[in-house]
Amino acid sequence: MNTVQDLLQVSAKLYQHLTILPSEDERDVFIEKVHQYLDERGVLVEQLQQEGFQVDLTNKAHATLAELDTGIKERLDKVMKSIQADMKDLQNAKKNEQQYLNPYANVQVMDGRYYDKKN
């Protein structure tokens, strides 16, 4: 059961870490810390699977683990959506800058020539 307690502690740390969305300057450190916690959880979950662990929701620790897991998934989704929105904004900014620098890039060239087939 020591592995379950370790998993519970790491999950609680990850859940707490995900409560505050970082600013753009601190995002890299934030993501590295999330990866560290997820790697620790992954190792512990693999150990539990090798031991043949079964979740019993009547057990208080197991129920807490299930709740934490649900909360972690929700918060990871929020972080991911935030990052995706920032990436989309960056792509739009690049596109707008390119259009500003070369406004005629998307215009098809029509020389104004007219070919008259009548001779």
N, C-alpha and C. Protein backbone atom coordinates (compact mmCIF):
# COMPACT_ATOMS: atom_id res chain seq x y z
N MET A 1 0.81 -1.21 0.00
CA MET A 1 0.00 0.00 0.00
C MET A 1 0.85 1.27 0.00
N ASN A 2 2.14 1.11 0.23
CA ASN A 2 3.01 2.27 0.23
C ASN A 2 3.03 2.94 -1.14
N THR A 3 2.94 2.16 -2.20
CA THR A 3 2.92 2.70 -3.55
C THR A 3 1.67 3.54 -3.77
N VAL A 4 0.55 3.11 -3.21
CA VAL A 4 -0.69 3.86 -3.34
C VAL A 4 -0.55 5.21 -2.66
N GLN A 5 0.06 5.24 -1.50
CA GLN A 5 0.26 6.51 -0.79
C GLN A 5 1.21 7.43 -1.57
N ASP A 6 2.26 6.84 -2.16
CA ASP A 6 3.18 7.64 -2.97
C ASP A 6 2.45 8.22 -4.18
N LEU A 7 1.61 7.41 -4.83
CA LEU A 7 0.84 7.87 -5.97
C LEU A 7 -0.13 8.97 -5.56
N LEU A 8 -0.71 8.82 -4.39
CA LEU A 8 -1.63 9.83 -3.88
C LEU A 8 -0.89 11.15 -3.64
N GLN A 9 0.30 11.10 -3.09
CA GLN A 9 1.08 12.31 -2.82
C GLN A 9 1.50 13.00 -4.12
N VAL A 10 1.98 12.22 -5.09
CA VAL A 10 2.42 12.80 -6.36
C VAL A 10 1.23 13.39 -7.10
N SER A 11 0.10 12.70 -7.05
CA SER A 11 -1.11 13.19 -7.72
C SER A 11 -1.57 14.50 -7.08
N ALA A 12 -1.50 14.57 -5.75
CA ALA A 12 -1.90 15.80 -5.05
C ALA A 12 -0.97 16.95 -5.42
N LYS A 13 0.33 16.68 -5.53
CA LYS A 13 1.29 17.72 -5.92
C LYS A 13 1.00 18.21 -7.33
N LEU A 14 0.72 17.28 -8.24
CA LEU A 14 0.41 17.65 -9.62
C LEU A 14 -0.88 18.46 -9.68
N TYR A 15 -1.89 18.03 -8.95
CA TYR A 15 -3.16 18.74 -8.92
C TYR A 15 -2.96 20.16 -8.40
N GLN A 16 -2.19 20.30 -7.35
CA GLN A 16 -1.91 21.62 -6.78
C GLN A 16 -1.12 22.49 -7.76
N HIS A 17 -0.17 21.86 -8.46
CA HIS A 17 0.66 22.60 -9.42
C HIS A 17 -0.18 23.12 -10.58
N LEU A 18 -1.22 22.40 -10.95
CA LEU A 18 -2.06 22.78 -12.08
C LEU A 18 -3.13 23.82 -11.73
N THR A 19 -3.19 24.24 -10.48
CA THR A 19 -4.23 25.19 -10.08
C THR A 19 -4.04 26.56 -10.71
N ILE A 20 -2.80 26.97 -10.89
CA ILE A 20 -2.52 28.31 -11.40
C ILE A 20 -1.90 28.19 -12.78
N LEU A 21 -2.52 28.83 -13.76
CA LEU A 21 -1.96 28.85 -15.10
C LEU A 21 -0.80 29.85 -15.12
N PRO A 22 0.32 29.46 -15.70
CA PRO A 22 1.50 30.34 -15.68
C PRO A 22 1.40 31.44 -16.73
N SER A 23 2.22 32.46 -16.52
CA SER A 23 2.34 33.50 -17.54
C SER A 23 3.22 32.94 -18.66
N GLU A 24 3.29 33.66 -19.77
CA GLU A 24 4.05 33.17 -20.91
C GLU A 24 5.53 33.00 -20.57
N ASP A 25 6.06 33.84 -19.69
CA ASP A 25 7.47 33.76 -19.34
C ASP A 25 7.80 32.51 -18.52
N GLU A 26 6.86 32.07 -17.70
CA GLU A 26 7.10 30.94 -16.80
C GLU A 26 6.57 29.62 -17.35
N ARG A 27 6.06 29.63 -18.56
CA ARG A 27 5.39 28.45 -19.11
C ARG A 27 6.34 27.26 -19.28
N ASP A 28 7.57 27.49 -19.73
CA ASP A 28 8.50 26.38 -19.95
C ASP A 28 8.81 25.65 -18.65
N VAL A 29 9.06 26.41 -17.59
CA VAL A 29 9.34 25.81 -16.28
C VAL A 29 8.11 25.05 -15.78
N PHE A 30 6.94 25.64 -16.00
CA PHE A 30 5.68 25.01 -15.59
C PHE A 30 5.49 23.67 -16.29
N ILE A 31 5.73 23.64 -17.59
CA ILE A 31 5.54 22.42 -18.37
C ILE A 31 6.56 21.36 -17.96
N GLU A 32 7.79 21.76 -17.71
CA GLU A 32 8.80 20.81 -17.25
C GLU A 32 8.39 20.16 -15.93
N LYS A 33 7.86 20.96 -15.03
CA LYS A 33 7.42 20.44 -13.73
C LYS A 33 6.24 19.48 -13.91
N VAL A 34 5.32 19.81 -14.82
CA VAL A 34 4.18 18.92 -15.09
C VAL A 34 4.70 17.60 -15.65
N HIS A 35 5.66 17.66 -16.57
CA HIS A 35 6.25 16.43 -17.12
C HIS A 35 6.89 15.59 -16.03
N GLN A 36 7.57 16.24 -15.11
CA GLN A 36 8.23 15.53 -14.02
C GLN A 36 7.20 14.79 -13.17
N TYR A 37 6.13 15.49 -12.79
CA TYR A 37 5.08 14.85 -11.99
C TYR A 37 4.40 13.72 -12.76
N LEU A 38 4.13 13.93 -14.04
CA LEU A 38 3.48 12.89 -14.84
C LEU A 38 4.38 11.66 -14.98
N ASP A 39 5.68 11.88 -15.13
CA ASP A 39 6.61 10.76 -15.21
C ASP A 39 6.63 9.97 -13.90
N GLU A 40 6.64 10.69 -12.77
CA GLU A 40 6.62 10.02 -11.47
C GLU A 40 5.34 9.20 -11.31
N ARG A 41 4.21 9.79 -11.71
CA ARG A 41 2.92 9.07 -11.63
C ARG A 41 2.94 7.85 -12.54
N GLY A 42 3.52 7.99 -13.72
CA GLY A 42 3.57 6.88 -14.66
C GLY A 42 4.34 5.69 -14.09
N VAL A 43 5.46 5.97 -13.45
CA VAL A 43 6.26 4.90 -12.84
C VAL A 43 5.46 4.21 -11.73
N LEU A 44 4.81 5.00 -10.89
CA LEU A 44 4.03 4.43 -9.79
C LEU A 44 2.84 3.62 -10.31
N VAL A 45 2.18 4.10 -11.34
CA VAL A 45 1.04 3.37 -11.91
C VAL A 45 1.51 2.04 -12.51
N GLU A 46 2.66 2.05 -13.18
CA GLU A 46 3.20 0.81 -13.73
C GLU A 46 3.51 -0.19 -12.62
N GLN A 47 4.06 0.31 -11.51
CA GLN A 47 4.34 -0.57 -10.38
C GLN A 47 3.05 -1.18 -9.84
N LEU A 48 2.02 -0.36 -9.73
CA LEU A 48 0.74 -0.87 -9.23
C LEU A 48 0.13 -1.87 -10.19
N GLN A 49 0.27 -1.65 -11.48
CA GLN A 49 -0.27 -2.60 -12.46
C GLN A 49 0.47 -3.93 -12.39
N GLN A 50 1.77 -3.89 -12.16
CA GLN A 50 2.54 -5.12 -12.04
C GLN A 50 2.16 -5.90 -10.78
N GLU A 51 1.74 -5.17 -9.75
CA GLU A 51 1.32 -5.81 -8.51
C GLU A 51 -0.11 -6.34 -8.60
N GLY A 52 -0.79 -6.03 -9.69
CA GLY A 52 -2.18 -6.47 -9.85
C GLY A 52 -3.16 -5.62 -9.05
N PHE A 53 -2.90 -4.35 -8.95
CA PHE A 53 -3.73 -3.43 -8.17
C PHE A 53 -5.13 -3.30 -8.77
N GLN A 54 -6.14 -3.35 -7.93
CA GLN A 54 -7.52 -3.14 -8.33
C GLN A 54 -8.09 -1.97 -7.52
N VAL A 55 -8.80 -1.08 -8.21
CA VAL A 55 -9.38 0.08 -7.54
C VAL A 55 -10.63 -0.34 -6.79
N ASP A 56 -10.68 0.07 -5.54
CA ASP A 56 -11.85 -0.18 -4.70
C ASP A 56 -12.35 1.17 -4.22
N LEU A 57 -13.45 1.65 -4.81
CA LEU A 57 -13.93 3.00 -4.51
C LEU A 57 -14.49 3.14 -3.10
N THR A 58 -14.69 2.02 -2.40
CA THR A 58 -15.12 2.12 -1.01
C THR A 58 -13.94 2.50 -0.11
N ASN A 59 -12.74 2.25 -0.57
CA ASN A 59 -11.54 2.64 0.16
C ASN A 59 -11.35 4.15 -0.04
N LYS A 60 -11.11 4.85 1.06
CA LYS A 60 -11.02 6.31 1.01
C LYS A 60 -9.84 6.78 0.14
N ALA A 61 -8.69 6.13 0.24
CA ALA A 61 -7.52 6.52 -0.54
C ALA A 61 -7.77 6.30 -2.03
N HIS A 62 -8.44 5.22 -2.37
CA HIS A 62 -8.72 4.92 -3.78
C HIS A 62 -9.73 5.93 -4.35
N ALA A 63 -10.72 6.28 -3.55
CA ALA A 63 -11.72 7.26 -4.00
C ALA A 63 -11.06 8.63 -4.20
N THR A 64 -10.16 8.99 -3.31
CA THR A 64 -9.43 10.26 -3.43
C THR A 64 -8.57 10.25 -4.69
N LEU A 65 -7.93 9.10 -4.96
CA LEU A 65 -7.12 8.98 -6.17
C LEU A 65 -7.97 9.17 -7.42
N ALA A 66 -9.15 8.58 -7.43
CA ALA A 66 -10.04 8.71 -8.58
C ALA A 66 -10.47 10.17 -8.77
N GLU A 67 -10.79 10.85 -7.69
CA GLU A 67 -11.18 12.26 -7.77
C GLU A 67 -10.02 13.13 -8.26
N LEU A 68 -8.82 12.86 -7.72
CA LEU A 68 -7.65 13.62 -8.15
C LEU A 68 -7.36 13.40 -9.63
N ASP A 69 -7.51 12.16 -10.07
CA ASP A 69 -7.26 11.85 -11.47
C ASP A 69 -8.21 12.62 -12.38
N THR A 70 -9.48 12.67 -12.01
CA THR A 70 -10.47 13.42 -12.79
C THR A 70 -10.11 14.91 -12.80
N GLY A 71 -9.76 15.46 -11.65
CA GLY A 71 -9.39 16.87 -11.56
C GLY A 71 -8.13 17.19 -12.36
N ILE A 72 -7.16 16.27 -12.33
CA ILE A 72 -5.92 16.47 -13.08
C ILE A 72 -6.21 16.50 -14.57
N LYS A 73 -7.06 15.59 -15.04
CA LYS A 73 -7.40 15.57 -16.46
C LYS A 73 -8.07 16.87 -16.89
N GLU A 74 -8.99 17.36 -16.06
CA GLU A 74 -9.69 18.61 -16.38
C GLU A 74 -8.71 19.78 -16.44
N ARG A 75 -7.82 19.84 -15.48
CA ARG A 75 -6.87 20.96 -15.43
C ARG A 75 -5.84 20.87 -16.54
N LEU A 76 -5.43 19.66 -16.90
CA LEU A 76 -4.51 19.51 -18.02
C LEU A 76 -5.18 19.96 -19.32
N ASP A 77 -6.47 19.67 -19.46
CA ASP A 77 -7.22 20.13 -20.64
C ASP A 77 -7.24 21.65 -20.70
N LYS A 78 -7.44 22.30 -19.55
CA LYS A 78 -7.45 23.77 -19.52
C LYS A 78 -6.09 24.34 -19.92
N VAL A 79 -5.03 23.73 -19.41
CA VAL A 79 -3.68 24.19 -19.74
C VAL A 79 -3.43 24.00 -21.24
N MET A 80 -3.83 22.85 -21.76
CA MET A 80 -3.62 22.57 -23.18
C MET A 80 -4.40 23.55 -24.05
N LYS A 81 -5.64 23.84 -23.68
CA LYS A 81 -6.44 24.79 -24.45
C LYS A 81 -5.83 26.19 -24.40
N SER A 82 -5.29 26.55 -23.27
CA SER A 82 -4.64 27.85 -23.13
C SER A 82 -3.43 27.94 -24.05
N ILE A 83 -2.64 26.90 -24.08
CA ILE A 83 -1.44 26.88 -24.93
C ILE A 83 -1.85 26.89 -26.40
N GLN A 84 -2.89 26.12 -26.74
CA GLN A 84 -3.35 26.10 -28.13
C GLN A 84 -3.86 27.47 -28.56
N ALA A 85 -4.56 28.16 -27.67
CA ALA A 85 -5.05 29.51 -27.99
C ALA A 85 -3.89 30.46 -28.22
N ASP A 86 -2.86 30.37 -27.39
CA ASP A 86 -1.68 31.22 -27.57
C ASP A 86 -0.97 30.91 -28.88
N MET A 87 -0.90 29.63 -29.24
CA MET A 87 -0.26 29.25 -30.50
C MET A 87 -1.06 29.77 -31.69
N LYS A 88 -2.38 29.71 -31.58
CA LYS A 88 -3.23 30.21 -32.65
C LYS A 88 -3.07 31.72 -32.80
N ASP A 89 -3.01 32.43 -31.68
CA ASP A 89 -2.79 33.88 -31.71
C ASP A 89 -1.44 34.21 -32.35
N LEU A 90 -0.43 33.42 -32.03
CA LEU A 90 0.90 33.64 -32.61
C LEU A 90 0.87 33.41 -34.12
N GLN A 91 0.18 32.36 -34.56
CA GLN A 91 0.08 32.10 -36.00
C GLN A 91 -0.66 33.24 -36.71
N ASN A 92 -1.72 33.73 -36.09
CA ASN A 92 -2.46 34.86 -36.68
C ASN A 92 -1.58 36.11 -36.74
N ALA A 93 -0.79 36.33 -35.71
CA ALA A 93 0.10 37.49 -35.70
C ALA A 93 1.13 37.37 -36.82
N LYS A 94 1.68 36.17 -37.02
CA LYS A 94 2.64 35.97 -38.10
C LYS A 94 1.99 36.21 -39.46
N LYS A 95 0.77 35.69 -39.61
CA LYS A 95 0.06 35.85 -40.88
C LYS A 95 -0.22 37.33 -41.15
N ASN A 96 -0.66 38.04 -40.13
CA ASN A 96 -0.95 39.47 -40.30
C ASN A 96 0.31 40.26 -40.61
N GLU A 97 1.42 39.90 -39.98
CA GLU A 97 2.68 40.59 -40.25
C GLU A 97 3.11 40.33 -41.69
N GLN A 98 2.96 39.10 -42.15
CA GLN A 98 3.34 38.77 -43.52
C GLN A 98 2.46 39.52 -44.53
N GLN A 99 1.17 39.63 -44.23
CA GLN A 99 0.28 40.36 -45.11
C GLN A 99 0.62 41.85 -45.12
N TYR A 100 1.06 42.35 -44.00
CA TYR A 100 1.44 43.76 -43.92
C TYR A 100 2.71 44.02 -44.73
N LEU A 101 3.68 43.10 -44.61
CA LEU A 101 4.94 43.28 -45.30
C LEU A 101 4.79 43.12 -46.82
N ASN A 102 3.93 42.21 -47.26
CA ASN A 102 3.74 41.96 -48.68
C ASN A 102 2.25 41.84 -48.97
N PRO A 103 1.56 42.95 -49.11
CA PRO A 103 0.11 42.90 -49.25
C PRO A 103 -0.38 42.28 -50.57
N TYR A 104 0.50 42.18 -51.56
CA TYR A 104 0.07 41.66 -52.86
C TYR A 104 0.52 40.21 -53.08
N ALA A 105 0.89 39.51 -52.04
CA ALA A 105 1.38 38.14 -52.18
C ALA A 105 0.29 37.19 -52.66
N ASN A 106 -0.94 37.42 -52.25
CA ASN A 106 -2.02 36.51 -52.59
C ASN A 106 -2.78 36.93 -53.86
N VAL A 107 -2.37 38.00 -54.48
CA VAL A 107 -3.06 38.48 -55.67
C VAL A 107 -2.51 37.75 -56.88
N GLN A 108 -3.39 37.21 -57.71
CA GLN A 108 -2.95 36.57 -58.93
C GLN A 108 -2.60 37.67 -59.94
N VAL A 109 -1.53 37.45 -60.64
CA VAL A 109 -1.03 38.46 -61.57
C VAL A 109 -1.85 38.41 -62.85
N MET A 110 -2.44 39.52 -63.13
CA MET A 110 -3.15 39.70 -64.40
C MET A 110 -2.47 40.88 -65.07
N ASP A 111 -1.78 40.61 -66.16
CA ASP A 111 -0.99 41.66 -66.81
C ASP A 111 -1.86 42.71 -67.49
N GLY A 112 -3.09 42.42 -67.70
CA GLY A 112 -3.93 43.35 -68.41
C GLY A 112 -3.90 43.09 -69.91
N ARG A 113 -3.27 42.01 -70.28
CA ARG A 113 -3.23 41.66 -71.69
C ARG A 113 -4.56 41.10 -72.11
N TYR A 114 -4.89 41.40 -73.29
CA TYR A 114 -6.13 40.87 -73.84
C TYR A 114 -5.80 40.28 -75.20
N TYR A 115 -6.09 39.05 -75.35
CA TYR A 115 -5.82 38.39 -76.62
C TYR A 115 -7.09 38.36 -77.44
N ASP A 116 -7.05 39.02 -78.55
CA ASP A 116 -8.20 39.07 -79.45
C ASP A 116 -8.03 37.97 -80.49
N LYS A 117 -9.00 37.10 -80.55
CA LYS A 117 -8.91 36.00 -81.49
C LYS A 117 -9.34 36.40 -82.90
N LYS A 118 -9.89 37.55 -83.05
CA LYS A 118 -10.28 38.02 -84.39
C LYS A 118 -9.07 38.55 -85.11
N ASN A 119 -8.90 38.20 -86.33
CA ASN A 119 -7.77 38.67 -87.13
C ASN A 119 -8.23 39.45 -88.29
